[in-house]
C-alpha atoms as a PDB file:
ATOM      1  CA  MET A   1      -0.011   0.121  -0.074  1.00  0.00           C
ATOM      2  CA  THR A   2       1.450   3.419  -0.937  1.00  0.00           C
ATOM      3  CA  ILE A   3      -0.223   6.689  -0.288  1.00  0.00           C
ATOM      4  CA  GLU A   4       1.432  10.194  -1.175  1.00  0.00           C
ATOM      5  CA  PHE A   5       0.315  12.289   1.859  1.00  0.00           C
ATOM      6  CA  ASP A   6      -0.736  15.864   1.161  1.00  0.00           C
ATOM      7  CA  ASN A   7       0.658  18.296   3.775  1.00  0.00           C
ATOM      8  CA  ASN A   8      -2.540  20.111   3.537  1.00  0.00           C
ATOM      9  CA  LEU A   9      -4.976  17.479   4.790  1.00  0.00           C
ATOM     10  CA  PRO A  10      -4.854  15.421   7.956  1.00  0.00           C
ATOM     11  CA  ILE A  11      -3.392  11.973   7.439  1.00  0.00           C
ATOM     12  CA  TYR A  12      -6.189   9.949   8.959  1.00  0.00           C
ATOM     13  CA  ILE A  13      -8.628  11.670   6.366  1.00  0.00           C
ATOM     14  CA  GLN A  14      -6.363  10.659   3.648  1.00  0.00           C
ATOM     15  CA  ILE A  15      -6.063   7.075   4.952  1.00  0.00           C
ATOM     16  CA  MET A  16      -9.843   7.223   5.250  1.00  0.00           C
ATOM     17  CA  ASN A  17     -10.391   8.194   1.570  1.00  0.00           C
ATOM     18  CA  TYR A  18      -7.842   5.707   0.490  1.00  0.00           C
ATOM     19  CA  ILE A  19      -9.777   3.047   2.210  1.00  0.00           C
ATOM     20  CA  LYS A  20     -13.040   4.306   0.987  1.00  0.00           C
ATOM     21  CA  GLY A  21     -11.416   4.080  -2.548  1.00  0.00           C
ATOM     22  CA  GLU A  22     -10.455   0.620  -2.269  1.00  0.00           C
ATOM     23  CA  ILE A  23     -13.801  -0.533  -1.019  1.00  0.00           C
ATOM     24  CA  VAL A  24     -15.728   1.396  -4.038  1.00  0.00           C
ATOM     25  CA  THR A  25     -13.496   0.275  -6.582  1.00  0.00           C
ATOM     26  CA  GLY A  26     -14.181  -3.490  -5.413  1.00  0.00           C
ATOM     27  CA  LYS A  27     -10.378  -3.959  -4.316  1.00  0.00           C
ATOM     28  CA  LEU A  28     -11.636  -4.308  -0.812  1.00  0.00           C
ATOM     29  CA  LYS A  29     -14.947  -6.424  -0.879  1.00  0.00           C
ATOM     30  CA  PRO A  30     -17.898  -6.419   1.637  1.00  0.00           C
ATOM     31  CA  GLY A  31     -16.880  -8.670   4.577  1.00  0.00           C
ATOM     32  CA  ASP A  32     -12.960  -8.584   3.915  1.00  0.00           C
ATOM     33  CA  LYS A  33     -10.841  -8.205   6.568  1.00  0.00           C
ATOM     34  CA  ILE A  34      -8.601  -5.000   6.683  1.00  0.00           C
ATOM     35  CA  LEU A  35      -5.132  -4.685   8.145  1.00  0.00           C
ATOM     36  CA  SER A  36      -4.750  -4.255  11.869  1.00  0.00           C
ATOM     37  CA  VAL A  37      -3.850  -0.835  13.403  1.00  0.00           C
ATOM     38  CA  ARG A  38      -0.250  -2.186  14.092  1.00  0.00           C
ATOM     39  CA  GLU A  39       0.095  -3.553  10.480  1.00  0.00           C
ATOM     40  CA  LEU A  40      -1.217  -0.591   8.686  1.00  0.00           C
ATOM     41  CA  ALA A  41       0.827   1.857  10.710  1.00  0.00           C
ATOM     42  CA  SER A  42       3.989  -0.212  10.076  1.00  0.00           C
ATOM     43  CA  GLU A  43       3.254  -0.397   6.315  1.00  0.00           C
ATOM     44  CA  LEU A  44       2.760   3.414   6.110  1.00  0.00           C
ATOM     45  CA  GLN A  45       5.404   4.368   8.661  1.00  0.00           C
ATOM     46  CA  ILE A  46       2.963   6.552  10.516  1.00  0.00           C
ATOM     47  CA  ASN A  47       1.872   6.696  14.366  1.00  0.00           C
ATOM     48  CA  PRO A  48      -0.534   3.904  15.251  1.00  0.00           C
ATOM     49  CA  ASN A  49      -2.771   6.633  16.907  1.00  0.00           C
ATOM     50  CA  THR A  50      -3.476   8.025  13.540  1.00  0.00           C
ATOM     51  CA  VAL A  51      -4.487   4.525  12.162  1.00  0.00           C
ATOM     52  CA  GLN A  52      -6.612   4.240  15.293  1.00  0.00           C
ATOM     53  CA  ARG A  53      -8.315   7.463  14.740  1.00  0.00           C
ATOM     54  CA  THR A  54      -8.726   6.562  11.028  1.00  0.00           C
ATOM     55  CA  PHE A  55     -10.533   3.294  12.081  1.00  0.00           C
ATOM     56  CA  GLN A  56     -12.780   5.181  14.561  1.00  0.00           C
ATOM     57  CA  GLU A  57     -13.981   7.390  11.967  1.00  0.00           C
ATOM     58  CA  LEU A  58     -14.588   4.633   9.624  1.00  0.00           C
ATOM     59  CA  GLU A  59     -16.473   2.713  12.258  1.00  0.00           C
ATOM     60  CA  ARG A  60     -18.570   5.885  13.128  1.00  0.00           C
ATOM     61  CA  GLU A  61     -19.452   6.094   9.250  1.00  0.00           C
ATOM     62  CA  GLU A  62     -20.124   2.246   9.423  1.00  0.00           C
ATOM     63  CA  ILE A  63     -17.882   1.490   6.754  1.00  0.00           C
ATOM     64  CA  VAL A  64     -15.986  -0.833   8.811  1.00  0.00           C
ATOM     65  CA  GLU A  65     -16.975  -3.098  11.687  1.00  0.00           C
ATOM     66  CA  THR A  66     -14.893  -4.593  14.683  1.00  0.00           C
ATOM     67  CA  ARG A  67     -15.658  -8.183  15.360  1.00  0.00           C
ATOM     68  CA  ARG A  68     -14.438  -8.932  18.873  1.00  0.00           C
ATOM     69  CA  GLY A  69     -11.221 -10.831  18.845  1.00  0.00           C
ATOM     70  CA  MET A  70     -11.215 -11.392  15.119  1.00  0.00           C
ATOM     71  CA  GLY A  71     -10.332  -7.629  13.862  1.00  0.00           C
ATOM     72  CA  ARG A  72     -12.020  -5.111  11.598  1.00  0.00           C
ATOM     73  CA  TYR A  73     -13.890  -5.851   8.471  1.00  0.00           C
ATOM     74  CA  VAL A  74     -15.377  -3.985   5.447  1.00  0.00           C
ATOM     75  CA  THR A  75     -19.205  -3.568   6.065  1.00  0.00           C
ATOM     76  CA  SER A  76     -21.434  -6.170   4.266  1.00  0.00           C
ATOM     77  CA  ASN A  77     -24.017  -3.359   3.735  1.00  0.00           C
ATOM     78  CA  GLU A  78     -24.149  -2.651   0.050  1.00  0.00           C
ATOM     79  CA  GLY A  79     -26.456   0.469   0.743  1.00  0.00           C
ATOM     80  CA  THR A  80     -23.657   2.191   2.740  1.00  0.00           C
ATOM     81  CA  ILE A  81     -21.070   1.219  -0.182  1.00  0.00           C
ATOM     82  CA  LEU A  82     -23.371   2.739  -2.463  1.00  0.00           C
ATOM     83  CA  THR A  83     -23.803   5.821  -0.504  1.00  0.00           C
ATOM     84  CA  ILE A  84     -19.997   6.198  -0.292  1.00  0.00           C
ATOM     85  CA  LYS A  85     -19.547   5.507  -3.987  1.00  0.00           C
ATOM     86  CA  LYS A  86     -22.051   8.530  -4.587  1.00  0.00           C
ATOM     87  CA  GLU A  87     -20.329  10.818  -2.169  1.00  0.00           C
ATOM     88  CA  MET A  88     -16.982  10.370  -3.694  1.00  0.00           C
ATOM     89  CA  ALA A  89     -18.742  10.927  -7.210  1.00  0.00           C
ATOM     90  CA  LYS A  90     -20.181  14.078  -5.957  1.00  0.00           C
ATOM     91  CA  ASP A  91     -16.747  15.340  -4.933  1.00  0.00           C
ATOM     92  CA  VAL A  92     -15.184  14.593  -8.410  1.00  0.00           C
ATOM     93  CA  LEU A  93     -18.215  16.064 -10.124  1.00  0.00           C
ATOM     94  CA  ASP A  94     -17.926  19.368  -7.905  1.00  0.00           C
ATOM     95  CA  ARG A  95     -14.037  19.759  -8.442  1.00  0.00           C
ATOM     96  CA  PHE A  96     -14.476  19.099 -12.174  1.00  0.00           C
ATOM     97  CA  ILE A  97     -17.583  21.673 -12.503  1.00  0.00           C
ATOM     98  CA  ARG A  98     -15.614  24.189 -10.479  1.00  0.00           C
ATOM     99  CA  GLY A  99     -12.468  23.767 -12.562  1.00  0.00           C
ATOM    100  CA  MET A 100     -14.466  24.072 -15.728  1.00  0.00           C
ATOM    101  CA  GLN A 101     -16.122  27.298 -14.430  1.00  0.00           C
ATOM    102  CA  ASP A 102     -12.829  28.707 -13.394  1.00  0.00           C
ATOM    103  CA  LEU A 103     -11.812  28.317 -17.076  1.00  0.00           C
ATOM    104  CA  GLY A 104     -14.870  30.437 -18.148  1.00  0.00           C
ATOM    105  CA  PHE A 105     -17.294  27.606 -19.370  1.00  0.00           C
ATOM    106  CA  GLN A 106     -21.062  28.012 -18.664  1.00  0.00           C
ATOM    107  CA  ASP A 107     -23.216  25.098 -17.512  1.00  0.00           C
ATOM    108  CA  GLU A 108     -24.462  24.115 -20.924  1.00  0.00           C
ATOM    109  CA  ASP A 109     -20.875  24.132 -22.384  1.00  0.00           C
ATOM    110  CA  ILE A 110     -19.679  22.172 -19.681  1.00  0.00           C
ATOM    111  CA  LEU A 111     -22.691  19.574 -20.282  1.00  0.00           C
ATOM    112  CA  ALA A 112     -21.788  19.543 -24.002  1.00  0.00           C
ATOM    113  CA  ALA A 113     -18.108  19.059 -23.331  1.00  0.00           C
ATOM    114  CA  VAL A 114     -18.905  15.971 -21.120  1.00  0.00           C
ATOM    115  CA  ALA A 115     -21.228  14.560 -23.941  1.00  0.00           C
ATOM    116  CA  GLU A 116     -18.870  14.909 -26.638  1.00  0.00           C
ATOM    117  CA  ASN A 117     -15.999  13.463 -24.518  1.00  0.00           C
ATOM    118  CA  ILE A 118     -18.309  10.542 -23.829  1.00  0.00           C
ATOM    119  CA  ARG A 119     -19.191  10.050 -27.369  1.00  0.00           C
ATOM    120  CA  THR A 120     -15.540  10.347 -28.439  1.00  0.00           C
ATOM    121  CA  LYS A 121     -14.548   7.589 -26.154  1.00  0.00           C
ATOM    122  CA  ASP A 122     -17.209   5.359 -26.869  1.00  0.00           C
ATOM    123  CA  GLY A 123     -16.016   5.521 -30.745  1.00  0.00           C
ATOM    124  CA  GLU A 124     -12.432   4.902 -29.884  1.00  0.00           C
END
């Protein structure tokens, strides 16, 4: 596992985003066991307290669940995973639209550019 940490965002949030990405792309499947605090901290060369905070937040959002004496697992709730995927897609779209607006594009121009790009990719 490799994460390029950004100094402008707390590390625990970056790890959360990474794990969420692994889940929504199917690299981590519902019910999969995730690394322990110690294993992940060692792999990422970070403080175990940071990993612990990451897992606490993921549990609070019901993305992972702790099974007593067995470790942490990805939620089996497909609805939760779909919600995460929609939230991540919204973030991507918001950044894209803001970037296009910063370039001076109007909403209808953005829609036309997206439609054209999708058509072009289909015809490749």
